[in-house]
Amino acid sequence: MHTQREHADYLLARKAHCIVIAKGNQKKNRKQLKSLCQRSRVA
């Protein structure tokens, strides 16, 4: 069995759409995901 990160990398490598959930106690991950979402809206 692989990790969630490996699975996300697998999906993204194949240009697949995916949903990522970051809990409130994962502040660094939430900040990074929010930044990615904002950049993708601009493009």
PDB file of N, CA and C in Angstrom:
ATOM      1  N   MET A   1       0.843  -1.172   0.000  1.00  0.00           N
ATOM      2  CA  MET A   1       0.000   0.000   0.000  1.00  0.00           C
ATOM      3  C   MET A   1       0.890   1.239   0.000  1.00  0.00           C
ATOM      4  N   HIS A   2       0.500   2.255  -0.726  1.00  0.00           N
ATOM      5  CA  HIS A   2       1.302   3.466  -0.813  1.00  0.00           C
ATOM      6  C   HIS A   2       0.704   4.590   0.033  1.00  0.00           C
ATOM      7  N   THR A   3       1.477   5.620   0.228  1.00  0.00           N
ATOM      8  CA  THR A   3       1.021   6.729   1.060  1.00  0.00           C
ATOM      9  C   THR A   3       0.100   7.657   0.271  1.00  0.00           C
ATOM     10  N   GLN A   4      -0.572   8.542   0.979  1.00  0.00           N
ATOM     11  CA  GLN A   4      -1.437   9.514   0.310  1.00  0.00           C
ATOM     12  C   GLN A   4      -0.630  10.425  -0.599  1.00  0.00           C
ATOM     13  N   ARG A   5       0.570  10.791  -0.149  1.00  0.00           N
ATOM     14  CA  ARG A   5       1.418  11.653  -0.987  1.00  0.00           C
ATOM     15  C   ARG A   5       1.799  10.945  -2.279  1.00  0.00           C
ATOM     16  N   GLU A   6       2.181   9.683  -2.189  1.00  0.00           N
ATOM     17  CA  GLU A   6       2.516   8.930  -3.393  1.00  0.00           C
ATOM     18  C   GLU A   6       1.318   8.823  -4.329  1.00  0.00           C
ATOM     19  N   HIS A   7       0.150   8.640  -3.768  1.00  0.00           N
ATOM     20  CA  HIS A   7      -1.065   8.544  -4.579  1.00  0.00           C
ATOM     21  C   HIS A   7      -1.350   9.877  -5.267  1.00  0.00           C
ATOM     22  N   ALA A   8      -1.198  10.984  -4.553  1.00  0.00           N
ATOM     23  CA  ALA A   8      -1.401  12.311  -5.150  1.00  0.00           C
ATOM     24  C   ALA A   8      -0.399  12.545  -6.279  1.00  0.00           C
ATOM     25  N   ASP A   9       0.865  12.185  -6.066  1.00  0.00           N
ATOM     26  CA  ASP A   9       1.880  12.316  -7.109  1.00  0.00           C
ATOM     27  C   ASP A   9       1.507  11.481  -8.334  1.00  0.00           C
ATOM     28  N   TYR A  10       1.012  10.279  -8.097  1.00  0.00           N
ATOM     29  CA  TYR A  10       0.592   9.383  -9.176  1.00  0.00           C
ATOM     30  C   TYR A  10      -0.525  10.027 -10.011  1.00  0.00           C
ATOM     31  N   LEU A  11      -1.525  10.573  -9.324  1.00  0.00           N
ATOM     32  CA  LEU A  11      -2.645  11.202 -10.034  1.00  0.00           C
ATOM     33  C   LEU A  11      -2.205  12.438 -10.805  1.00  0.00           C
ATOM     34  N   LEU A  12      -1.405  13.279 -10.174  1.00  0.00           N
ATOM     35  CA  LEU A  12      -0.960  14.511 -10.825  1.00  0.00           C
ATOM     36  C   LEU A  12      -0.063  14.221 -12.022  1.00  0.00           C
ATOM     37  N   ALA A  13       0.741  13.179 -11.953  1.00  0.00           N
ATOM     38  CA  ALA A  13       1.604  12.815 -13.071  1.00  0.00           C
ATOM     39  C   ALA A  13       0.780  12.428 -14.297  1.00  0.00           C
ATOM     40  N   ARG A  14      -0.439  11.977 -14.062  1.00  0.00           N
ATOM     41  CA  ARG A  14      -1.329  11.578 -15.154  1.00  0.00           C
ATOM     42  C   ARG A  14      -2.363  12.648 -15.486  1.00  0.00           C
ATOM     43  N   LYS A  15      -2.115  13.871 -14.979  1.00  0.00           N
ATOM     44  CA  LYS A  15      -2.995  15.023 -15.248  1.00  0.00           C
ATOM     45  C   LYS A  15      -4.431  14.778 -14.778  1.00  0.00           C
ATOM     46  N   ALA A  16      -4.581  13.979 -13.727  1.00  0.00           N
ATOM     47  CA  ALA A  16      -5.901  13.668 -13.183  1.00  0.00           C
ATOM     48  C   ALA A  16      -6.344  14.766 -12.214  1.00  0.00           C
ATOM     49  N   HIS A  17      -7.621  14.918 -12.068  1.00  0.00           N
ATOM     50  CA  HIS A  17      -8.172  15.835 -11.075  1.00  0.00           C
ATOM     51  C   HIS A  17      -8.228  15.113  -9.739  1.00  0.00           C
ATOM     52  N   CYS A  18      -8.015  15.839  -8.670  1.00  0.00           N
ATOM     53  CA  CYS A  18      -8.098  15.211  -7.361  1.00  0.00           C
ATOM     54  C   CYS A  18      -8.496  16.249  -6.316  1.00  0.00           C
ATOM     55  N   ILE A  19      -8.992  15.764  -5.206  1.00  0.00           N
ATOM     56  CA  ILE A  19      -9.367  16.601  -4.066  1.00  0.00           C
ATOM     57  C   ILE A  19      -8.443  16.247  -2.922  1.00  0.00           C
ATOM     58  N   VAL A  20      -7.852  17.273  -2.309  1.00  0.00           N
ATOM     59  CA  VAL A  20      -6.945  17.060  -1.190  1.00  0.00           C
ATOM     60  C   VAL A  20      -7.554  17.693   0.052  1.00  0.00           C
ATOM     61  N   ILE A  21      -7.609  16.950   1.130  1.00  0.00           N
ATOM     62  CA  ILE A  21      -8.154  17.450   2.388  1.00  0.00           C
ATOM     63  C   ILE A  21      -7.014  17.629   3.374  1.00  0.00           C
ATOM     64  N   ALA A  22      -6.930  18.829   3.942  1.00  0.00           N
ATOM     65  CA  ALA A  22      -5.925  19.104   4.976  1.00  0.00           C
ATOM     66  C   ALA A  22      -6.672  19.549   6.228  1.00  0.00           C
ATOM     67  N   LYS A  23      -6.511  18.819   7.290  1.00  0.00           N
ATOM     68  CA  LYS A  23      -7.200  19.137   8.537  1.00  0.00           C
ATOM     69  C   LYS A  23      -6.653  20.424   9.134  1.00  0.00           C
ATOM     70  N   GLY A  24      -7.409  21.017  10.038  1.00  0.00           N
ATOM     71  CA  GLY A  24      -7.039  22.273  10.667  1.00  0.00           C
ATOM     72  C   GLY A  24      -5.721  22.235  11.412  1.00  0.00           C
ATOM     73  N   ASN A  25      -5.328  21.061  11.889  1.00  0.00           N
ATOM     74  CA  ASN A  25      -4.074  20.967  12.631  1.00  0.00           C
ATOM     75  C   ASN A  25      -2.866  20.807  11.704  1.00  0.00           C
ATOM     76  N   GLN A  26      -3.074  20.888  10.411  1.00  0.00           N
ATOM     77  CA  GLN A  26      -1.999  20.802   9.424  1.00  0.00           C
ATOM     78  C   GLN A  26      -1.805  22.177   8.781  1.00  0.00           C
ATOM     79  N   LYS A  27      -1.419  23.144   9.606  1.00  0.00           N
ATOM     80  CA  LYS A  27      -1.379  24.543   9.173  1.00  0.00           C
ATOM     81  C   LYS A  27      -0.469  24.780   7.978  1.00  0.00           C
ATOM     82  N   LYS A  28       0.707  24.175   7.963  1.00  0.00           N
ATOM     83  CA  LYS A  28       1.636  24.378   6.842  1.00  0.00           C
ATOM     84  C   LYS A  28       1.038  23.836   5.545  1.00  0.00           C
ATOM     85  N   ASN A  29       0.452  22.643   5.606  1.00  0.00           N
ATOM     86  CA  ASN A  29      -0.161  22.054   4.410  1.00  0.00           C
ATOM     87  C   ASN A  29      -1.327  22.892   3.922  1.00  0.00           C
ATOM     88  N   ARG A  30      -2.152  23.365   4.843  1.00  0.00           N
ATOM     89  CA  ARG A  30      -3.307  24.191   4.457  1.00  0.00           C
ATOM     90  C   ARG A  30      -2.850  25.473   3.776  1.00  0.00           C
ATOM     91  N   LYS A  31      -1.798  26.094   4.305  1.00  0.00           N
ATOM     92  CA  LYS A  31      -1.268  27.331   3.723  1.00  0.00           C
ATOM     93  C   LYS A  31      -0.751  27.079   2.305  1.00  0.00           C
ATOM     94  N   GLN A  32      -0.027  25.976   2.114  1.00  0.00           N
ATOM     95  CA  GLN A  32       0.505  25.642   0.797  1.00  0.00           C
ATOM     96  C   GLN A  32      -0.617  25.346  -0.196  1.00  0.00           C
ATOM     97  N   LEU A  33      -1.630  24.605   0.241  1.00  0.00           N
ATOM     98  CA  LEU A  33      -2.751  24.292  -0.640  1.00  0.00           C
ATOM     99  C   LEU A  33      -3.524  25.550  -1.021  1.00  0.00           C
ATOM    100  N   LYS A  34      -3.727  26.436  -0.061  1.00  0.00           N
ATOM    101  CA  LYS A  34      -4.427  27.684  -0.346  1.00  0.00           C
ATOM    102  C   LYS A  34      -3.661  28.502  -1.379  1.00  0.00           C
ATOM    103  N   SER A  35      -2.341  28.538  -1.243  1.00  0.00           N
ATOM    104  CA  SER A  35      -1.501  29.258  -2.190  1.00  0.00           C
ATOM    105  C   SER A  35      -1.619  28.653  -3.588  1.00  0.00           C
ATOM    106  N   LEU A  36      -1.620  27.334  -3.680  1.00  0.00           N
ATOM    107  CA  LEU A  36      -1.752  26.673  -4.981  1.00  0.00           C
ATOM    108  C   LEU A  36      -3.098  26.977  -5.629  1.00  0.00           C
ATOM    109  N   CYS A  37      -4.154  26.990  -4.833  1.00  0.00           N
ATOM    110  CA  CYS A  37      -5.488  27.267  -5.356  1.00  0.00           C
ATOM    111  C   CYS A  37      -5.569  28.690  -5.894  1.00  0.00           C
ATOM    112  N   GLN A  38      -4.996  29.635  -5.177  1.00  0.00           N
ATOM    113  CA  GLN A  38      -5.026  31.022  -5.622  1.00  0.00           C
ATOM    114  C   GLN A  38      -4.247  31.200  -6.916  1.00  0.00           C
ATOM    115  N   ARG A  39      -3.107  30.540  -7.041  1.00  0.00           N
ATOM    116  CA  ARG A  39      -2.304  30.647  -8.272  1.00  0.00           C
ATOM    117  C   ARG A  39      -3.015  30.011  -9.451  1.00  0.00           C
ATOM    118  N   SER A  40      -3.730  28.921  -9.230  1.00  0.00           N
ATOM    119  CA  SER A  40      -4.404  28.253 -10.344  1.00  0.00           C
ATOM    120  C   SER A  40      -5.591  29.066 -10.849  1.00  0.00           C
ATOM    121  N   ARG A  41      -6.181  29.877 -10.012  1.00  0.00           N
ATOM    122  CA  ARG A  41      -7.291  30.732 -10.450  1.00  0.00           C
ATOM    123  C   ARG A  41      -6.794  31.864 -11.350  1.00  0.00           C
ATOM    124  N   VAL A  42      -5.585  32.318 -11.122  1.00  0.00           N
ATOM    125  CA  VAL A  42      -5.021  33.412 -11.897  1.00  0.00           C
ATOM    126  C   VAL A  42      -4.676  32.955 -13.294  1.00  0.00           C
ATOM    127  N   ALA A  43      -4.207  31.725 -13.417  1.00  0.00           N
ATOM    128  CA  ALA A  43      -3.749  31.200 -14.716  1.00  0.00           C
ATOM    129  C   ALA A  43      -4.865  30.984 -15.695  1.00  0.00           C
TER     130      ALA A  43
END
